[in-house]
N, C-alpha and C. Protein backbone atom coordinates (compact mmCIF):
# COMPACT_ATOMS: atom_id res chain seq x y z
N UNK A 1 5.20 -68.14 -50.17
CA UNK A 1 4.57 -68.92 -49.12
C UNK A 1 3.73 -67.97 -48.28
N UNK A 2 2.64 -68.46 -47.77
CA UNK A 2 1.74 -67.62 -46.97
C UNK A 2 2.11 -67.66 -45.49
N UNK A 3 1.76 -66.58 -44.79
CA UNK A 3 2.07 -66.46 -43.37
C UNK A 3 1.42 -67.60 -42.57
N UNK A 4 0.22 -68.01 -42.95
CA UNK A 4 -0.47 -69.09 -42.22
C UNK A 4 0.30 -70.41 -42.28
N UNK A 5 0.96 -70.66 -43.40
CA UNK A 5 1.74 -71.89 -43.53
C UNK A 5 2.95 -71.88 -42.59
N UNK A 6 3.60 -70.73 -42.49
CA UNK A 6 4.74 -70.60 -41.57
C UNK A 6 4.24 -70.71 -40.13
N UNK A 7 3.10 -70.09 -39.84
CA UNK A 7 2.54 -70.14 -38.49
C UNK A 7 2.28 -71.58 -38.06
N UNK A 8 1.78 -72.40 -38.97
CA UNK A 8 1.53 -73.82 -38.66
C UNK A 8 2.82 -74.54 -38.29
N UNK A 9 3.88 -74.27 -39.03
CA UNK A 9 5.17 -74.91 -38.74
C UNK A 9 5.68 -74.47 -37.37
N UNK A 10 5.51 -73.20 -37.04
CA UNK A 10 5.98 -72.68 -35.76
C UNK A 10 5.20 -73.23 -34.57
N UNK A 11 3.95 -73.59 -34.79
CA UNK A 11 3.08 -74.06 -33.70
C UNK A 11 3.11 -75.57 -33.48
N UNK A 12 3.77 -76.31 -34.34
CA UNK A 12 3.80 -77.77 -34.19
C UNK A 12 4.39 -78.15 -32.84
N UNK A 13 3.78 -79.17 -32.24
CA UNK A 13 4.26 -79.68 -30.96
C UNK A 13 4.61 -81.15 -31.11
N UNK A 14 5.78 -81.57 -30.77
CA UNK A 14 6.88 -80.72 -30.32
C UNK A 14 7.46 -79.94 -31.49
N UNK A 15 8.09 -78.83 -31.18
CA UNK A 15 8.68 -77.98 -32.21
C UNK A 15 9.78 -78.74 -32.94
N UNK A 16 9.77 -78.65 -34.25
CA UNK A 16 10.80 -79.28 -35.09
C UNK A 16 11.61 -78.17 -35.77
N UNK A 17 12.90 -78.03 -35.44
CA UNK A 17 13.71 -77.01 -36.11
C UNK A 17 13.63 -77.15 -37.63
N UNK A 18 13.67 -76.01 -38.33
CA UNK A 18 13.54 -76.04 -39.77
C UNK A 18 14.43 -74.99 -40.44
N UNK A 19 14.56 -75.15 -41.74
CA UNK A 19 15.36 -74.24 -42.56
C UNK A 19 14.42 -73.54 -43.53
N UNK A 20 14.58 -72.23 -43.66
CA UNK A 20 13.86 -71.44 -44.65
C UNK A 20 14.76 -71.31 -45.87
N UNK A 21 14.25 -71.64 -47.05
CA UNK A 21 15.01 -71.49 -48.29
C UNK A 21 14.33 -70.41 -49.13
N UNK A 22 15.12 -69.42 -49.57
CA UNK A 22 14.60 -68.31 -50.36
C UNK A 22 14.87 -68.50 -51.85
N UNK A 23 14.14 -67.78 -52.68
CA UNK A 23 14.33 -67.85 -54.13
C UNK A 23 15.72 -67.39 -54.55
N UNK A 24 16.39 -66.63 -53.71
CA UNK A 24 17.75 -66.15 -54.00
C UNK A 24 18.81 -67.22 -53.72
N UNK A 25 18.39 -68.33 -53.10
CA UNK A 25 19.33 -69.38 -52.73
C UNK A 25 19.79 -69.28 -51.28
N UNK A 26 19.47 -68.18 -50.62
CA UNK A 26 19.85 -68.03 -49.22
C UNK A 26 19.04 -68.98 -48.36
N UNK A 27 19.65 -69.41 -47.23
CA UNK A 27 18.99 -70.32 -46.29
C UNK A 27 19.19 -69.78 -44.88
N UNK A 28 18.16 -69.92 -44.05
CA UNK A 28 18.24 -69.51 -42.66
C UNK A 28 17.64 -70.60 -41.80
N UNK A 29 18.33 -70.93 -40.72
CA UNK A 29 17.85 -71.97 -39.82
C UNK A 29 17.07 -71.37 -38.66
N UNK A 30 15.97 -72.03 -38.33
CA UNK A 30 15.13 -71.64 -37.19
C UNK A 30 15.22 -72.78 -36.20
N UNK A 31 15.96 -72.57 -35.13
CA UNK A 31 16.17 -73.63 -34.14
C UNK A 31 15.25 -73.49 -32.92
N UNK A 32 14.55 -72.35 -32.83
CA UNK A 32 13.63 -72.13 -31.72
C UNK A 32 12.52 -71.20 -32.21
N UNK A 33 11.26 -71.49 -31.89
CA UNK A 33 10.17 -70.65 -32.41
C UNK A 33 10.21 -69.20 -31.92
N UNK A 34 10.86 -68.95 -30.80
CA UNK A 34 10.94 -67.58 -30.30
C UNK A 34 11.95 -66.73 -31.07
N UNK A 35 12.70 -67.35 -31.98
CA UNK A 35 13.66 -66.61 -32.80
C UNK A 35 13.04 -66.15 -34.12
N UNK A 36 11.70 -66.16 -34.20
CA UNK A 36 11.00 -65.78 -35.43
C UNK A 36 9.91 -64.77 -35.09
N UNK A 37 9.80 -63.76 -35.95
CA UNK A 37 8.67 -62.83 -35.90
C UNK A 37 8.02 -62.88 -37.27
N UNK A 38 6.70 -62.90 -37.29
CA UNK A 38 5.96 -63.09 -38.53
C UNK A 38 4.95 -61.97 -38.71
N UNK A 39 4.92 -61.40 -39.92
CA UNK A 39 3.88 -60.44 -40.30
C UNK A 39 3.16 -61.03 -41.51
N UNK A 40 2.21 -60.30 -42.06
CA UNK A 40 1.48 -60.81 -43.22
C UNK A 40 2.38 -60.96 -44.45
N UNK A 41 3.42 -60.16 -44.52
CA UNK A 41 4.26 -60.17 -45.72
C UNK A 41 5.72 -60.52 -45.48
N UNK A 42 6.15 -60.58 -44.23
CA UNK A 42 7.56 -60.82 -43.93
C UNK A 42 7.75 -61.81 -42.80
N UNK A 43 8.91 -62.42 -42.85
CA UNK A 43 9.36 -63.33 -41.80
C UNK A 43 10.70 -62.78 -41.31
N UNK A 44 10.83 -62.57 -40.02
CA UNK A 44 12.07 -62.09 -39.43
C UNK A 44 12.69 -63.26 -38.68
N UNK A 45 13.92 -63.60 -39.03
CA UNK A 45 14.60 -64.75 -38.44
C UNK A 45 15.78 -64.26 -37.62
N UNK A 46 15.85 -64.67 -36.36
CA UNK A 46 16.97 -64.31 -35.50
C UNK A 46 18.20 -65.12 -35.88
N UNK A 47 19.30 -64.43 -36.11
CA UNK A 47 20.56 -65.07 -36.49
C UNK A 47 21.58 -64.92 -35.38
N UNK A 48 21.85 -65.98 -34.62
CA UNK A 48 22.91 -65.88 -33.62
C UNK A 48 24.28 -65.99 -34.27
N UNK A 49 25.23 -65.19 -33.81
CA UNK A 49 26.58 -65.24 -34.35
C UNK A 49 27.39 -66.34 -33.67
N UNK A 50 26.93 -66.81 -32.52
CA UNK A 50 27.63 -67.85 -31.78
C UNK A 50 26.59 -68.84 -31.26
N UNK A 51 26.99 -69.73 -30.40
CA UNK A 51 26.06 -70.69 -29.80
C UNK A 51 25.35 -70.07 -28.60
N UNK A 52 24.99 -68.84 -28.73
CA UNK A 52 24.34 -68.07 -27.68
C UNK A 52 22.83 -68.38 -27.68
N UNK A 53 22.16 -68.04 -26.60
CA UNK A 53 20.72 -68.23 -26.50
C UNK A 53 19.93 -67.08 -27.10
N UNK A 54 20.60 -66.02 -27.55
CA UNK A 54 19.91 -64.85 -28.07
C UNK A 54 20.43 -64.49 -29.45
N UNK A 55 19.54 -64.10 -30.35
CA UNK A 55 20.01 -63.69 -31.67
C UNK A 55 20.76 -62.37 -31.61
N UNK A 56 21.76 -62.25 -32.48
CA UNK A 56 22.53 -61.01 -32.57
C UNK A 56 21.87 -60.02 -33.54
N UNK A 57 21.12 -60.57 -34.50
CA UNK A 57 20.45 -59.72 -35.47
C UNK A 57 19.21 -60.44 -35.99
N UNK A 58 18.32 -59.67 -36.61
CA UNK A 58 17.13 -60.23 -37.23
C UNK A 58 17.24 -60.01 -38.74
N UNK A 59 17.01 -61.07 -39.49
CA UNK A 59 17.05 -61.03 -40.95
C UNK A 59 15.61 -60.99 -41.45
N UNK A 60 15.29 -60.01 -42.31
CA UNK A 60 13.96 -59.91 -42.86
C UNK A 60 13.88 -60.68 -44.17
N UNK A 61 12.90 -61.58 -44.27
CA UNK A 61 12.68 -62.37 -45.48
C UNK A 61 11.27 -62.07 -45.98
N UNK A 62 11.15 -61.63 -47.21
CA UNK A 62 9.85 -61.39 -47.82
C UNK A 62 9.20 -62.75 -48.08
N UNK A 63 7.98 -62.94 -47.63
CA UNK A 63 7.31 -64.24 -47.79
C UNK A 63 7.15 -64.64 -49.26
N UNK A 64 7.14 -63.65 -50.17
CA UNK A 64 7.06 -63.96 -51.60
C UNK A 64 8.29 -64.76 -52.06
N UNK A 65 9.41 -64.61 -51.35
CA UNK A 65 10.64 -65.26 -51.75
C UNK A 65 10.93 -66.56 -50.99
N UNK A 66 10.06 -66.93 -50.05
CA UNK A 66 10.24 -68.20 -49.34
C UNK A 66 9.71 -69.30 -50.25
N UNK A 67 10.62 -70.18 -50.69
CA UNK A 67 10.23 -71.24 -51.61
C UNK A 67 10.12 -72.60 -50.93
N UNK A 68 10.73 -72.74 -49.74
CA UNK A 68 10.67 -74.03 -49.06
C UNK A 68 10.90 -73.87 -47.56
N UNK A 69 10.27 -74.75 -46.82
CA UNK A 69 10.51 -74.90 -45.39
C UNK A 69 10.89 -76.36 -45.20
N UNK A 70 12.14 -76.60 -44.77
CA UNK A 70 12.67 -77.96 -44.68
C UNK A 70 13.03 -78.28 -43.24
N UNK A 71 12.65 -79.46 -42.75
CA UNK A 71 13.06 -79.85 -41.40
C UNK A 71 14.58 -80.00 -41.31
N UNK A 72 15.12 -79.66 -40.17
CA UNK A 72 16.54 -79.84 -39.92
C UNK A 72 16.69 -81.13 -39.12
N UNK A 73 17.51 -82.02 -39.62
CA UNK A 73 17.78 -83.26 -38.90
C UNK A 73 18.70 -82.95 -37.72
N UNK A 74 18.25 -83.22 -36.54
CA UNK A 74 19.03 -82.97 -35.34
C UNK A 74 19.84 -84.21 -35.02
N UNK A 75 21.12 -84.02 -34.75
CA UNK A 75 21.97 -85.14 -34.36
C UNK A 75 21.88 -85.32 -32.86
N UNK A 76 21.80 -86.56 -32.44
CA UNK A 76 21.70 -86.85 -31.01
C UNK A 76 23.04 -87.26 -30.46
N UNK A 77 23.31 -86.81 -29.25
CA UNK A 77 24.54 -87.21 -28.58
C UNK A 77 24.36 -88.59 -27.96
N UNK A 78 25.40 -89.43 -28.00
CA UNK A 78 25.26 -90.78 -27.41
C UNK A 78 25.12 -90.75 -25.91
């Protein structure tokens, strides 16, 4: 997948949380656009270990291995 395609998803208003699926089968959820850093060849996804507002680590994903970007269905509280 190209960096421009990811950039478009990140800039959508309102922001829609999404899941990155890699060719290895790994999946990473992006729940906020500020938890992502993008270069021409890589995507860095912030992975929180808890329900914290800040990521504990950044996972590097080679854009060559990103095979899908899928919206995450958000459940609403009654």
